[in-house]
Protein backbone atom coordinates (compact mmCIF):
# COMPACT_ATOMS: atom_id res chain seq x y z
CA MET A 1 -2.61 15.63 -1.02
CA ASN A 2 0.88 14.36 -1.82
CA THR A 3 1.97 10.73 -2.22
CA ILE A 4 3.34 10.41 1.30
CA ASP A 5 0.12 11.75 2.83
CA ILE A 6 -1.89 9.37 0.68
CA LEU A 7 0.26 6.44 1.73
CA GLN A 8 0.07 7.47 5.39
CA ASN A 9 -3.73 7.50 5.26
CA VAL A 10 -3.92 4.22 3.35
CA GLY A 11 -1.39 2.49 5.61
CA ASN A 12 -3.22 3.50 8.75
CA GLY A 13 -6.55 2.49 7.23
CA ILE A 14 -5.11 -0.93 6.42
CA LEU A 15 -3.84 -1.30 9.99
CA SER A 16 -7.28 -0.42 11.29
CA GLN A 17 -8.85 -3.08 9.08
CA ALA A 18 -6.24 -5.64 10.13
CA ASN A 19 -7.07 -4.98 13.78
CA LYS A 20 -10.80 -5.35 13.12
CA HIS A 21 -10.23 -8.62 11.28
CA GLN A 22 -8.05 -9.86 14.13
CA LEU A 23 -10.81 -9.16 16.65
CA VAL A 24 -13.45 -10.74 14.44
CA ALA A 25 -11.24 -13.84 14.10
CA LEU A 26 -11.04 -14.08 17.89
CA GLN A 27 -14.81 -13.72 18.16
CA PHE A 28 -15.46 -16.48 15.61
CA ALA A 29 -12.89 -18.78 17.23
CA ALA A 30 -14.58 -18.32 20.62
CA GLN A 31 -17.91 -19.21 19.00
CA GLY A 32 -16.43 -22.39 17.50
CA PHE A 33 -16.47 -21.23 13.88
CA SER A 34 -12.91 -22.27 13.10
CA LYS A 35 -13.13 -21.81 9.32
CA LEU A 36 -14.28 -18.22 9.71
CA ALA A 37 -11.70 -17.59 12.41
CA ASP A 38 -8.94 -18.91 10.14
CA LYS A 39 -10.22 -16.86 7.20
CA TYR A 40 -10.18 -13.59 9.11
CA GLN A 41 -6.92 -14.34 10.94
CA SER A 42 -5.27 -14.93 7.58
CA HIS A 43 -6.84 -11.78 6.21
CA ALA A 44 -5.53 -9.74 9.17
CA GLU A 45 -2.02 -11.03 8.54
CA GLU A 46 -2.30 -10.27 4.83
CA GLU A 47 -3.41 -6.71 5.60
CA ARG A 48 -0.55 -6.19 8.03
CA ASP A 49 1.80 -7.25 5.24
CA PHE A 50 0.23 -4.68 2.91
CA ALA A 51 0.53 -2.00 5.62
CA LYS A 52 4.19 -2.88 6.04
CA GLN A 53 4.73 -2.45 2.30
CA VAL A 54 2.93 0.90 2.34
CA PHE A 55 4.96 2.19 5.29
CA ASN A 56 8.19 0.96 3.70
CA ARG A 57 7.24 2.90 0.58
CA ILE A 58 6.86 6.06 2.67
CA LEU A 59 10.36 5.49 4.02
CA ASP A 60 11.68 4.84 0.50
CA LEU A 61 10.25 8.21 -0.52
CA GLY A 62 12.06 9.92 2.36
CA GLY A 63 8.95 10.44 4.47
CA ASN A 64 8.27 9.79 8.11
CA ILE A 65 5.76 7.18 9.18
CA SER A 66 3.23 7.68 11.95
CA TYR A 67 0.56 5.69 13.67
CA GLN A 68 -2.73 7.54 13.60
CA GLY A 69 -5.52 7.05 16.12
CA GLN A 70 -8.07 4.37 15.48
CA GLU A 71 -11.83 4.57 15.69
CA VAL A 72 -13.92 2.67 18.20
CA PHE A 73 -15.03 -0.69 16.82
CA GLU A 74 -17.67 -2.84 18.48
CA VAL A 75 -17.15 -6.42 17.32
CA PRO A 76 -20.35 -7.87 15.84
CA THR A 77 -21.59 -10.92 17.72
CA THR A 78 -22.94 -12.82 14.72
CA ALA A 79 -21.30 -13.82 11.49
CA LEU A 80 -24.22 -12.50 9.44
CA GLU A 81 -24.02 -9.10 11.10
CA TRP A 82 -20.27 -9.00 10.44
CA LEU A 83 -20.57 -10.06 6.79
CA ARG A 84 -23.13 -7.35 6.10
CA GLN A 85 -20.98 -4.74 7.84
CA ASP A 86 -17.79 -5.93 6.15
CA LEU A 87 -19.43 -5.76 2.73
CA GLU A 88 -20.28 -2.08 3.27
CA ILE A 89 -16.79 -1.36 4.63
CA SER A 90 -15.28 -2.97 1.53
CA LYS A 91 -17.53 -1.08 -0.87
CA ASN A 92 -16.76 2.25 0.79
CA GLY A 93 -13.05 1.45 1.04
CA LEU A 94 -12.75 0.63 -2.65
CA LYS A 95 -14.68 3.76 -3.55
CA ASP A 96 -12.31 5.85 -1.41
CA LEU A 97 -9.18 4.08 -2.69
CA ASN A 98 -9.93 4.54 -6.39
CA PRO A 99 -9.16 8.30 -6.60
CA LEU A 100 -6.04 7.82 -4.47
CA ILE A 101 -4.68 5.28 -6.95
CA LYS A 102 -5.32 7.73 -9.75
CA ALA A 103 -3.58 10.49 -7.78
CA VAL A 104 -0.34 8.48 -7.57
CA SER A 105 -0.43 7.18 -11.15
CA GLU A 106 2.80 8.99 -12.06
CA ASP A 107 4.70 7.09 -9.33
CA PHE A 108 4.66 3.60 -10.81
CA VAL A 109 5.92 1.80 -7.69
CA THR A 110 3.28 3.38 -5.46
CA TYR A 111 0.65 2.93 -8.16
CA ASP A 112 1.41 -0.80 -8.44
CA LEU A 113 1.38 -1.18 -4.66
CA LEU A 114 -2.01 0.48 -4.24
CA LYS A 115 -3.40 -1.26 -7.30
CA GLY A 116 -2.38 -4.61 -5.78
CA TYR A 117 -4.09 -3.72 -2.54
CA TYR A 118 -7.21 -2.64 -4.44
CA LYS A 119 -7.33 -5.99 -6.25
CA ASP A 120 -6.96 -7.88 -2.97
CA GLU A 121 -9.75 -5.86 -1.39
CA ASP A 122 -11.98 -6.40 -4.42
CA ASP A 123 -11.39 -10.16 -4.11
CA ASP A 124 -12.42 -9.93 -0.44
CA LEU A 125 -15.55 -7.99 -1.36
CA GLN A 126 -16.46 -10.66 -3.92
CA TRP A 127 -15.93 -13.43 -1.33
CA THR A 128 -18.13 -11.63 1.21
CA GLN A 129 -20.87 -11.08 -1.36
CA GLN A 130 -20.65 -14.75 -2.34
CA GLN A 131 -21.08 -15.78 1.31
CA LEU A 132 -24.15 -13.56 1.70
CA ASP A 133 -25.60 -15.00 -1.51
CA LEU A 134 -24.91 -18.51 -0.23
CA ILE A 135 -26.67 -17.68 3.06
CA ASP A 136 -29.70 -16.51 1.07
CA PHE A 137 -29.63 -19.74 -0.93
CA ILE A 138 -29.00 -22.40 1.76
CA GLY A 139 -30.05 -20.53 4.90
CA TYR A 140 -28.01 -19.02 7.70
CA GLN A 141 -27.99 -22.08 9.98
CA ASN A 142 -26.82 -24.37 7.16
CA TRP A 143 -24.11 -21.88 6.24
CA LEU A 144 -22.96 -21.66 9.87
CA THR A 145 -22.67 -25.46 10.01
CA HIS A 146 -20.12 -25.25 7.18
CA GLN A 147 -18.06 -22.76 9.18
CA LEU A 148 -17.37 -25.11 12.11
């Protein structure tokens, strides 16, 4: 797989995640959990910015960008269900991203871009794990109260 193909897959994956986070933010806002809604709205915007950088890199390399079909995503109705699902998505995403970063290591600009995205996603994974640990410690209802 060449650098442009890698970037195309990563960029479309990031867009997919941004869309999921946007929908989750809407769900949490409708439920009155404004802190969670703000968190995931901000995250969606951050991911769209990363996608924009990835697609711009494709153009810089002389490639053509394309929007690839997205999978069906049923928005979880509870924060706990979402956090558990998001943790697994993050773990799998980082595992999948790692070899792609290695594959572009000779292209320093692309390498730095993907490495930056990896770090951001790792930070998100750590935050999600911290929230799940906090839920275990203080209880789900107490945690939800803090998300209002």
